[in-house]
C-alpha cells in the first residue's frame, strides 16, 4: 500500500488521463454543438460572477447522477458515453476531479476548462449575470438556484425565467 497523495500530485495524475481544454476552444466547441458546458460552481459564485450563457448548471454533488447515461436520474442531455462534457468550476481545480469522475462512469470524452470560469471571463468570452446579487426593493429577491438549470440564454429548467434574471 502506498502512502497518502497530496492534492497537487493527485491533480497531476488525474489531468494526465485526459486532454484539458482552453476557454476559446471550449467556447468554439459549445457554439458548434460538439460539447456540453457544465457549470458545477455553487450558487453564491454564480450569483456573484454570472454564468456562461447556455451552460448546463449542475451542482457538483449531483454531477454523476445527472450525466450518467445509464442512470435513472440522468438529464436528457446525457445522451451517451460519447458525450463531450466540459466541466467548469471557478478556477479549474475541482473541475479536474469532476472530469476524472465522469471518466470512471464511462464518459471518456469528459474534460475540464483550464482556469475555470475565471479564465473564461478573463478571455472576454460571454458571461451573463444570472440575477442581481443585491436585488432592489422593486424586484422580488432571487429564488434559490435550482440544483440543475440551464444558464441564462438557454432557459431555466422547471419553469419560465423570472424577469429579473
N, C-alpha and C. Protein backbone atom coordinates (compact mmCIF):
# COMPACT_ATOMS: atom_id res chain seq x y z
N UNK A 1 0.84 -1.17 0.00
CA UNK A 1 0.00 0.00 0.00
C UNK A 1 0.89 1.24 0.00
N UNK A 2 0.54 2.22 -0.82
CA UNK A 2 1.34 3.43 -0.89
C UNK A 2 0.86 4.45 0.13
N UNK A 3 1.70 5.45 0.37
CA UNK A 3 1.38 6.49 1.33
C UNK A 3 0.36 7.48 0.78
N UNK A 4 -0.02 8.44 1.59
CA UNK A 4 -1.00 9.44 1.16
C UNK A 4 -0.50 10.25 -0.04
N UNK A 5 -1.44 10.67 -0.86
CA UNK A 5 -1.14 11.51 -2.01
C UNK A 5 -1.64 12.91 -1.71
N UNK A 6 -0.82 13.91 -1.91
CA UNK A 6 -1.25 15.30 -1.74
C UNK A 6 -2.10 15.73 -2.93
N UNK A 7 -2.82 16.83 -2.77
CA UNK A 7 -3.73 17.29 -3.80
C UNK A 7 -3.00 17.66 -5.09
N UNK A 8 -1.82 18.25 -4.98
CA UNK A 8 -1.08 18.62 -6.20
C UNK A 8 -0.70 17.38 -7.01
N UNK A 9 -0.24 16.35 -6.31
CA UNK A 9 0.11 15.10 -7.01
C UNK A 9 -1.13 14.44 -7.58
N UNK A 10 -2.23 14.48 -6.85
CA UNK A 10 -3.48 13.91 -7.34
C UNK A 10 -3.96 14.63 -8.59
N UNK A 11 -3.94 15.96 -8.57
CA UNK A 11 -4.35 16.72 -9.75
C UNK A 11 -3.47 16.41 -10.96
N UNK A 12 -2.17 16.31 -10.74
CA UNK A 12 -1.25 15.99 -11.83
C UNK A 12 -1.57 14.62 -12.42
N UNK A 13 -1.82 13.65 -11.57
CA UNK A 13 -2.16 12.30 -12.05
C UNK A 13 -3.48 12.29 -12.79
N UNK A 14 -4.49 12.93 -12.23
CA UNK A 14 -5.82 12.97 -12.84
C UNK A 14 -5.76 13.66 -14.20
N UNK A 15 -5.11 14.81 -14.26
CA UNK A 15 -5.04 15.57 -15.51
C UNK A 15 -4.22 14.86 -16.59
N UNK A 16 -3.37 13.95 -16.18
CA UNK A 16 -2.62 13.17 -17.16
C UNK A 16 -3.47 12.15 -17.89
N UNK A 17 -4.69 11.91 -17.41
CA UNK A 17 -5.56 10.91 -18.01
C UNK A 17 -6.49 11.43 -19.09
N UNK A 18 -6.47 12.72 -19.37
CA UNK A 18 -7.33 13.29 -20.41
C UNK A 18 -6.73 14.61 -20.87
N UNK A 19 -7.25 15.14 -21.95
CA UNK A 19 -6.77 16.41 -22.50
C UNK A 19 -7.71 17.54 -22.07
N UNK A 20 -7.17 18.51 -21.35
CA UNK A 20 -7.96 19.66 -20.89
C UNK A 20 -8.19 20.62 -22.06
N UNK A 21 -9.13 21.55 -21.89
CA UNK A 21 -9.48 22.45 -22.98
C UNK A 21 -9.40 23.90 -22.51
N UNK A 22 -8.90 24.77 -23.39
CA UNK A 22 -8.77 26.19 -23.10
C UNK A 22 -10.12 26.89 -23.34
N UNK A 23 -10.31 28.06 -22.72
CA UNK A 23 -11.59 28.74 -22.84
C UNK A 23 -12.07 28.99 -24.28
N UNK A 24 -11.23 29.52 -25.15
CA UNK A 24 -11.67 29.81 -26.51
C UNK A 24 -12.07 28.54 -27.25
N UNK A 25 -11.30 27.49 -27.10
CA UNK A 25 -11.63 26.21 -27.74
C UNK A 25 -12.95 25.65 -27.19
N UNK A 26 -13.17 25.80 -25.90
CA UNK A 26 -14.43 25.34 -25.29
C UNK A 26 -15.61 26.14 -25.82
N UNK A 27 -15.43 27.44 -25.95
CA UNK A 27 -16.48 28.31 -26.49
C UNK A 27 -16.81 27.91 -27.92
N UNK A 28 -15.79 27.67 -28.72
CA UNK A 28 -16.00 27.25 -30.11
C UNK A 28 -16.72 25.92 -30.18
N UNK A 29 -16.31 24.96 -29.35
CA UNK A 29 -16.93 23.63 -29.35
C UNK A 29 -18.39 23.70 -28.91
N UNK A 30 -18.66 24.50 -27.88
CA UNK A 30 -20.05 24.65 -27.43
C UNK A 30 -20.88 25.33 -28.50
N UNK A 31 -20.33 26.35 -29.13
CA UNK A 31 -21.03 27.06 -30.19
C UNK A 31 -21.33 26.18 -31.39
N UNK A 32 -20.43 25.24 -31.67
CA UNK A 32 -20.61 24.32 -32.79
C UNK A 32 -21.52 23.15 -32.42
N UNK A 33 -21.89 23.05 -31.14
CA UNK A 33 -22.74 21.95 -30.69
C UNK A 33 -22.01 20.65 -30.49
N UNK A 34 -20.68 20.71 -30.38
CA UNK A 34 -19.90 19.48 -30.20
C UNK A 34 -19.46 19.25 -28.76
N UNK A 35 -19.84 20.15 -27.86
CA UNK A 35 -19.50 19.98 -26.44
C UNK A 35 -20.61 20.57 -25.59
N UNK A 36 -20.81 19.96 -24.44
CA UNK A 36 -21.77 20.42 -23.46
C UNK A 36 -21.00 21.04 -22.30
N UNK A 37 -21.17 22.36 -22.10
CA UNK A 37 -20.53 23.03 -20.97
C UNK A 37 -21.37 22.79 -19.73
N UNK A 38 -20.73 22.33 -18.66
CA UNK A 38 -21.43 22.04 -17.41
C UNK A 38 -20.77 22.82 -16.28
N UNK A 39 -21.51 23.76 -15.72
CA UNK A 39 -21.03 24.63 -14.65
C UNK A 39 -21.36 23.98 -13.31
N UNK A 40 -20.32 23.62 -12.54
CA UNK A 40 -20.52 22.97 -11.26
C UNK A 40 -20.29 23.91 -10.08
N UNK A 41 -20.10 25.20 -10.36
CA UNK A 41 -19.86 26.16 -9.27
C UNK A 41 -21.09 26.27 -8.39
N UNK A 42 -20.88 26.57 -7.12
CA UNK A 42 -22.01 26.71 -6.23
C UNK A 42 -22.72 28.04 -6.47
N UNK A 43 -23.95 28.12 -6.02
CA UNK A 43 -24.84 29.23 -6.33
C UNK A 43 -24.24 30.60 -6.00
N UNK A 44 -23.55 30.73 -4.89
CA UNK A 44 -23.00 32.03 -4.49
C UNK A 44 -22.01 32.55 -5.54
N UNK A 45 -21.22 31.68 -6.13
CA UNK A 45 -20.28 32.12 -7.16
C UNK A 45 -21.01 32.49 -8.45
N UNK A 46 -22.04 31.73 -8.78
CA UNK A 46 -22.83 32.08 -9.98
C UNK A 46 -23.53 33.41 -9.79
N UNK A 47 -24.04 33.65 -8.59
CA UNK A 47 -24.71 34.92 -8.29
C UNK A 47 -23.72 36.07 -8.34
N UNK A 48 -22.54 35.85 -7.81
CA UNK A 48 -21.53 36.91 -7.76
C UNK A 48 -20.95 37.22 -9.13
N UNK A 49 -20.59 36.18 -9.88
CA UNK A 49 -19.83 36.38 -11.12
C UNK A 49 -20.63 36.20 -12.40
N UNK A 50 -21.80 35.59 -12.31
CA UNK A 50 -22.58 35.32 -13.51
C UNK A 50 -22.38 33.90 -14.00
N UNK A 51 -22.93 33.64 -15.18
CA UNK A 51 -22.88 32.30 -15.77
C UNK A 51 -22.48 32.39 -17.23
N UNK A 52 -22.06 31.27 -17.76
CA UNK A 52 -21.77 31.16 -19.19
C UNK A 52 -23.10 30.89 -19.89
N UNK A 53 -23.51 31.76 -20.81
CA UNK A 53 -24.79 31.55 -21.49
C UNK A 53 -24.86 30.17 -22.14
N UNK A 54 -25.96 29.47 -21.88
CA UNK A 54 -26.18 28.15 -22.46
C UNK A 54 -25.56 27.00 -21.70
N UNK A 55 -24.71 27.30 -20.71
CA UNK A 55 -24.09 26.21 -19.93
C UNK A 55 -25.16 25.53 -19.08
N UNK A 56 -25.01 24.24 -18.92
CA UNK A 56 -25.89 23.49 -18.04
C UNK A 56 -25.35 23.62 -16.63
N UNK A 57 -26.18 24.05 -15.70
CA UNK A 57 -25.76 24.22 -14.31
C UNK A 57 -26.17 22.97 -13.54
N UNK A 58 -25.17 22.27 -13.01
CA UNK A 58 -25.42 21.08 -12.20
C UNK A 58 -24.54 21.20 -10.96
N UNK A 59 -25.15 21.23 -9.81
CA UNK A 59 -24.37 21.29 -8.58
C UNK A 59 -23.42 20.08 -8.54
N UNK A 60 -22.24 20.28 -8.02
CA UNK A 60 -21.20 19.24 -8.01
C UNK A 60 -21.69 17.94 -7.36
N UNK A 61 -22.47 18.04 -6.32
CA UNK A 61 -22.90 16.83 -5.61
C UNK A 61 -23.92 16.02 -6.41
N UNK A 62 -24.41 16.52 -7.54
CA UNK A 62 -25.36 15.79 -8.38
C UNK A 62 -24.79 15.42 -9.74
N UNK A 63 -23.57 15.82 -10.03
CA UNK A 63 -23.00 15.70 -11.37
C UNK A 63 -23.08 14.28 -11.94
N UNK A 64 -22.58 13.31 -11.21
CA UNK A 64 -22.55 11.94 -11.74
C UNK A 64 -23.95 11.39 -11.96
N UNK A 65 -24.87 11.68 -11.04
CA UNK A 65 -26.24 11.18 -11.19
C UNK A 65 -26.91 11.78 -12.41
N UNK A 66 -26.65 13.03 -12.70
CA UNK A 66 -27.33 13.72 -13.81
C UNK A 66 -26.72 13.41 -15.17
N UNK A 67 -25.43 13.05 -15.22
CA UNK A 67 -24.78 12.83 -16.51
C UNK A 67 -24.51 11.38 -16.84
N UNK A 68 -24.80 10.45 -15.93
CA UNK A 68 -24.62 9.03 -16.22
C UNK A 68 -25.70 8.60 -17.23
N UNK A 69 -25.29 8.25 -18.46
CA UNK A 69 -26.27 7.88 -19.49
C UNK A 69 -27.13 6.67 -19.10
N UNK A 70 -26.66 5.87 -18.15
CA UNK A 70 -27.41 4.69 -17.72
C UNK A 70 -28.20 4.93 -16.44
N UNK A 71 -28.05 6.10 -15.86
CA UNK A 71 -28.66 6.38 -14.56
C UNK A 71 -30.13 6.73 -14.65
N UNK A 72 -30.85 6.40 -13.60
CA UNK A 72 -32.28 6.69 -13.56
C UNK A 72 -32.56 8.18 -13.33
N UNK A 73 -31.57 8.96 -12.89
CA UNK A 73 -31.75 10.39 -12.63
C UNK A 73 -31.05 11.25 -13.67
N UNK A 74 -30.72 10.66 -14.81
CA UNK A 74 -29.98 11.39 -15.84
C UNK A 74 -30.85 12.48 -16.47
N UNK A 75 -30.16 13.47 -16.99
CA UNK A 75 -30.82 14.55 -17.73
C UNK A 75 -30.96 14.15 -19.19
N UNK A 76 -31.86 14.79 -19.92
CA UNK A 76 -32.00 14.49 -21.35
C UNK A 76 -30.70 14.71 -22.13
N UNK A 77 -29.85 15.64 -21.63
CA UNK A 77 -28.58 15.91 -22.30
C UNK A 77 -27.59 14.75 -22.17
N UNK A 78 -27.80 13.85 -21.24
CA UNK A 78 -26.91 12.70 -21.03
C UNK A 78 -27.26 11.62 -22.04
N UNK A 79 -26.88 11.87 -23.29
CA UNK A 79 -27.31 11.03 -24.41
C UNK A 79 -26.50 9.77 -24.62
N UNK A 80 -25.31 9.70 -24.08
CA UNK A 80 -24.49 8.51 -24.27
C UNK A 80 -23.08 8.73 -23.76
N UNK A 81 -22.31 7.67 -23.76
CA UNK A 81 -20.95 7.74 -23.24
C UNK A 81 -20.00 8.51 -24.15
N UNK A 82 -20.41 8.81 -25.38
CA UNK A 82 -19.58 9.60 -26.29
C UNK A 82 -19.78 11.10 -26.12
N UNK A 83 -20.66 11.51 -25.22
CA UNK A 83 -20.93 12.92 -24.99
C UNK A 83 -19.65 13.64 -24.57
N UNK A 84 -19.37 14.76 -25.21
CA UNK A 84 -18.20 15.56 -24.84
C UNK A 84 -18.65 16.60 -23.82
N UNK A 85 -18.29 16.37 -22.58
CA UNK A 85 -18.65 17.25 -21.47
C UNK A 85 -17.43 18.07 -21.10
N UNK A 86 -17.63 19.39 -20.97
CA UNK A 86 -16.57 20.28 -20.48
C UNK A 86 -17.04 20.79 -19.12
N UNK A 87 -16.40 20.33 -18.06
CA UNK A 87 -16.78 20.71 -16.71
C UNK A 87 -16.11 22.05 -16.37
N UNK A 88 -16.91 22.95 -15.81
CA UNK A 88 -16.43 24.29 -15.46
C UNK A 88 -16.62 24.51 -13.96
N UNK A 89 -15.52 24.80 -13.28
CA UNK A 89 -15.60 25.21 -11.88
C UNK A 89 -15.11 26.66 -11.82
N UNK A 90 -14.74 27.15 -10.69
CA UNK A 90 -14.34 28.55 -10.59
C UNK A 90 -12.96 28.81 -11.17
N UNK A 91 -11.97 27.96 -10.83
CA UNK A 91 -10.60 28.23 -11.26
C UNK A 91 -9.91 27.03 -11.93
N UNK A 92 -10.64 25.94 -12.15
CA UNK A 92 -10.06 24.82 -12.87
C UNK A 92 -9.42 23.75 -12.02
N UNK A 93 -9.77 23.67 -10.75
CA UNK A 93 -9.23 22.63 -9.89
C UNK A 93 -10.28 21.56 -9.60
N UNK A 94 -11.40 21.94 -9.01
CA UNK A 94 -12.46 20.98 -8.72
C UNK A 94 -12.98 20.33 -9.99
N UNK A 95 -12.97 21.07 -11.09
CA UNK A 95 -13.45 20.51 -12.36
C UNK A 95 -12.57 19.37 -12.85
N UNK A 96 -11.29 19.41 -12.53
CA UNK A 96 -10.40 18.31 -12.93
C UNK A 96 -10.80 17.01 -12.23
N UNK A 97 -11.09 17.11 -10.94
CA UNK A 97 -11.52 15.92 -10.20
C UNK A 97 -12.89 15.44 -10.68
N UNK A 98 -13.77 16.38 -11.02
CA UNK A 98 -15.10 16.02 -11.52
C UNK A 98 -15.00 15.34 -12.88
N UNK A 99 -14.15 15.85 -13.76
CA UNK A 99 -13.98 15.24 -15.09
C UNK A 99 -13.45 13.81 -14.95
N UNK A 100 -12.52 13.62 -14.03
CA UNK A 100 -11.98 12.28 -13.81
C UNK A 100 -13.08 11.34 -13.32
N UNK A 101 -13.96 11.82 -12.48
CA UNK A 101 -15.07 11.01 -12.00
C UNK A 101 -15.99 10.62 -13.16
N UNK A 102 -16.23 11.55 -14.07
CA UNK A 102 -17.06 11.24 -15.24
C UNK A 102 -16.38 10.19 -16.12
N UNK A 103 -15.07 10.23 -16.21
CA UNK A 103 -14.34 9.19 -16.95
C UNK A 103 -14.60 7.82 -16.34
N UNK A 104 -14.61 7.75 -15.02
CA UNK A 104 -14.87 6.47 -14.35
C UNK A 104 -16.27 5.96 -14.63
N UNK A 105 -17.21 6.86 -14.98
CA UNK A 105 -18.57 6.45 -15.37
C UNK A 105 -18.64 6.03 -16.84
N UNK A 106 -17.53 6.18 -17.55
CA UNK A 106 -17.52 5.80 -18.96
C UNK A 106 -17.67 6.97 -19.92
N UNK A 107 -17.75 8.19 -19.41
CA UNK A 107 -17.82 9.37 -20.28
C UNK A 107 -16.39 9.72 -20.69
N UNK A 108 -15.87 8.98 -21.64
CA UNK A 108 -14.45 9.03 -21.98
C UNK A 108 -14.03 10.33 -22.65
N UNK A 109 -14.95 11.16 -23.09
CA UNK A 109 -14.62 12.44 -23.71
C UNK A 109 -14.76 13.62 -22.74
N UNK A 110 -15.05 13.33 -21.48
CA UNK A 110 -15.18 14.40 -20.48
C UNK A 110 -13.84 15.08 -20.27
N UNK A 111 -13.89 16.38 -20.07
CA UNK A 111 -12.70 17.17 -19.82
C UNK A 111 -13.08 18.34 -18.92
N UNK A 112 -12.12 19.21 -18.65
CA UNK A 112 -12.45 20.40 -17.86
C UNK A 112 -11.79 21.62 -18.47
N UNK A 113 -12.31 22.77 -18.08
CA UNK A 113 -11.87 24.05 -18.61
C UNK A 113 -10.63 24.52 -17.86
N UNK A 114 -9.55 24.72 -18.58
CA UNK A 114 -8.32 25.22 -17.98
C UNK A 114 -8.58 26.61 -17.40
N UNK A 115 -8.33 26.78 -16.11
CA UNK A 115 -8.53 28.06 -15.45
C UNK A 115 -9.95 28.33 -15.03
N UNK A 116 -10.88 27.44 -15.38
CA UNK A 116 -12.26 27.56 -14.95
C UNK A 116 -12.98 28.81 -15.45
N UNK A 117 -14.06 29.14 -14.75
CA UNK A 117 -14.88 30.29 -15.11
C UNK A 117 -14.06 31.58 -15.15
N UNK A 118 -13.14 31.72 -14.21
CA UNK A 118 -12.35 32.96 -14.15
C UNK A 118 -11.53 33.15 -15.42
N UNK A 119 -10.97 32.08 -15.97
CA UNK A 119 -10.21 32.17 -17.22
C UNK A 119 -11.14 32.48 -18.39
N UNK A 120 -12.35 31.90 -18.37
CA UNK A 120 -13.36 32.18 -19.41
C UNK A 120 -13.66 33.69 -19.42
N UNK A 121 -13.93 34.23 -18.25
CA UNK A 121 -14.28 35.65 -18.14
C UNK A 121 -13.09 36.53 -18.53
N UNK A 122 -11.89 36.17 -18.08
CA UNK A 122 -10.69 36.95 -18.41
C UNK A 122 -10.39 36.93 -19.91
N UNK A 123 -10.84 35.87 -20.60
CA UNK A 123 -10.64 35.78 -22.06
C UNK A 123 -11.65 36.65 -22.81
N UNK A 124 -12.57 37.28 -22.07
CA UNK A 124 -13.55 38.14 -22.70
C UNK A 124 -14.70 37.39 -23.36
N UNK A 125 -14.89 36.14 -22.97
CA UNK A 125 -15.97 35.33 -23.54
C UNK A 125 -17.29 35.68 -22.86
N UNK A 126 -18.42 35.31 -23.47
CA UNK A 126 -19.73 35.74 -22.95
C UNK A 126 -20.00 35.28 -21.52
N UNK A 127 -20.51 36.21 -20.73
CA UNK A 127 -20.93 35.95 -19.36
C UNK A 127 -22.22 36.72 -19.14
N UNK A 128 -23.18 36.07 -18.52
CA UNK A 128 -24.45 36.70 -18.20
C UNK A 128 -24.64 36.70 -16.70
N UNK A 129 -25.02 37.84 -16.16
CA UNK A 129 -25.34 37.89 -14.73
C UNK A 129 -26.69 37.22 -14.59
N UNK A 130 -26.73 36.15 -13.77
CA UNK A 130 -27.95 35.36 -13.68
C UNK A 130 -29.05 36.07 -12.92
N UNK A 131 -28.71 36.85 -11.93
CA UNK A 131 -29.65 37.69 -11.21
C UNK A 131 -28.84 38.62 -10.33
N UNK A 132 -29.41 39.73 -9.93
CA UNK A 132 -28.64 40.67 -9.11
C UNK A 132 -28.22 40.04 -7.78
N UNK A 133 -27.00 40.30 -7.39
CA UNK A 133 -26.53 39.81 -6.09
C UNK A 133 -27.29 40.51 -4.96
N UNK A 134 -27.67 41.75 -5.19
CA UNK A 134 -28.41 42.53 -4.19
C UNK A 134 -29.62 43.15 -4.89
N UNK A 135 -30.71 42.41 -5.01
CA UNK A 135 -31.86 42.95 -5.73
C UNK A 135 -32.41 44.19 -5.04
N UNK A 136 -32.95 45.08 -5.85
CA UNK A 136 -33.56 46.28 -5.29
C UNK A 136 -34.93 45.91 -4.73
N UNK A 137 -35.52 46.83 -3.99
CA UNK A 137 -36.84 46.57 -3.42
C UNK A 137 -37.89 46.42 -4.49
N UNK A 138 -37.67 46.99 -5.67
CA UNK A 138 -38.68 46.90 -6.72
C UNK A 138 -38.73 45.52 -7.37
N UNK A 139 -37.72 44.73 -7.18
CA UNK A 139 -37.71 43.38 -7.74
C UNK A 139 -37.75 42.38 -6.59
N UNK A 140 -38.50 41.30 -6.76
CA UNK A 140 -38.51 40.30 -5.69
C UNK A 140 -37.13 39.65 -5.57
N UNK A 141 -36.80 39.15 -4.40
CA UNK A 141 -35.49 38.51 -4.25
C UNK A 141 -35.40 37.29 -5.14
N UNK A 142 -34.21 37.02 -5.59
CA UNK A 142 -33.98 35.86 -6.45
C UNK A 142 -34.25 34.60 -5.65
N UNK A 143 -34.95 33.64 -6.25
CA UNK A 143 -35.17 32.37 -5.56
C UNK A 143 -33.87 31.60 -5.49
N UNK A 144 -33.79 30.62 -4.60
CA UNK A 144 -32.58 29.80 -4.56
C UNK A 144 -32.37 29.14 -5.91
N UNK A 145 -31.13 29.04 -6.32
CA UNK A 145 -30.83 28.41 -7.60
C UNK A 145 -31.21 26.94 -7.56
N UNK A 146 -31.85 26.45 -8.62
CA UNK A 146 -32.16 25.02 -8.65
C UNK A 146 -30.87 24.23 -8.78
N UNK A 147 -30.90 23.00 -8.35
CA UNK A 147 -29.70 22.16 -8.42
C UNK A 147 -29.29 21.93 -9.86
N UNK A 148 -30.25 21.91 -10.78
CA UNK A 148 -29.95 21.72 -12.19
C UNK A 148 -30.74 22.74 -12.97
N UNK A 149 -30.06 23.51 -13.80
CA UNK A 149 -30.75 24.50 -14.61
C UNK A 149 -29.95 24.78 -15.86
N UNK A 150 -30.58 25.45 -16.79
CA UNK A 150 -29.88 25.91 -17.98
C UNK A 150 -29.52 27.37 -17.72
N UNK A 151 -28.26 27.72 -17.94
CA UNK A 151 -27.82 29.08 -17.66
C UNK A 151 -28.53 30.07 -18.57
N UNK A 152 -28.52 31.32 -18.14
CA UNK A 152 -29.19 32.39 -18.88
C UNK A 152 -28.80 32.32 -20.35
N UNK A 153 -29.78 32.49 -21.18
CA UNK A 153 -29.55 32.37 -22.61
C UNK A 153 -30.06 31.04 -23.10
N UNK A 154 -30.24 30.09 -22.21
CA UNK A 154 -30.71 28.77 -22.60
C UNK A 154 -31.99 28.38 -21.89
N UNK A 155 -32.58 29.29 -21.10
CA UNK A 155 -33.81 28.99 -20.37
C UNK A 155 -33.51 28.26 -19.08
N UNK A 156 -34.49 28.24 -18.18
CA UNK A 156 -34.30 27.58 -16.89
C UNK A 156 -35.17 26.36 -16.83
N UNK A 157 -34.67 25.31 -16.26
CA UNK A 157 -35.44 24.10 -16.06
C UNK A 157 -36.45 24.31 -14.95
N UNK A 158 -37.62 23.76 -15.14
CA UNK A 158 -38.60 23.79 -14.07
C UNK A 158 -39.50 25.01 -14.09
N UNK A 159 -39.44 25.84 -15.09
CA UNK A 159 -40.34 26.97 -15.14
C UNK A 159 -39.78 28.11 -15.94
N UNK A 160 -40.62 29.09 -16.21
CA UNK A 160 -40.17 30.24 -17.01
C UNK A 160 -39.18 31.09 -16.25
N UNK A 161 -38.38 31.81 -17.00
CA UNK A 161 -37.40 32.70 -16.36
C UNK A 161 -38.11 33.87 -15.71
N UNK A 162 -37.62 34.24 -14.55
CA UNK A 162 -38.16 35.41 -13.86
C UNK A 162 -37.65 36.66 -14.56
N UNK A 163 -38.39 37.76 -14.53
CA UNK A 163 -38.00 38.96 -15.26
C UNK A 163 -36.69 39.57 -14.78
N UNK A 164 -36.27 39.32 -13.55
CA UNK A 164 -35.02 39.92 -13.04
C UNK A 164 -33.80 39.10 -13.36
N UNK A 165 -33.95 37.99 -14.04
CA UNK A 165 -32.79 37.17 -14.40
C UNK A 165 -32.17 37.65 -15.66
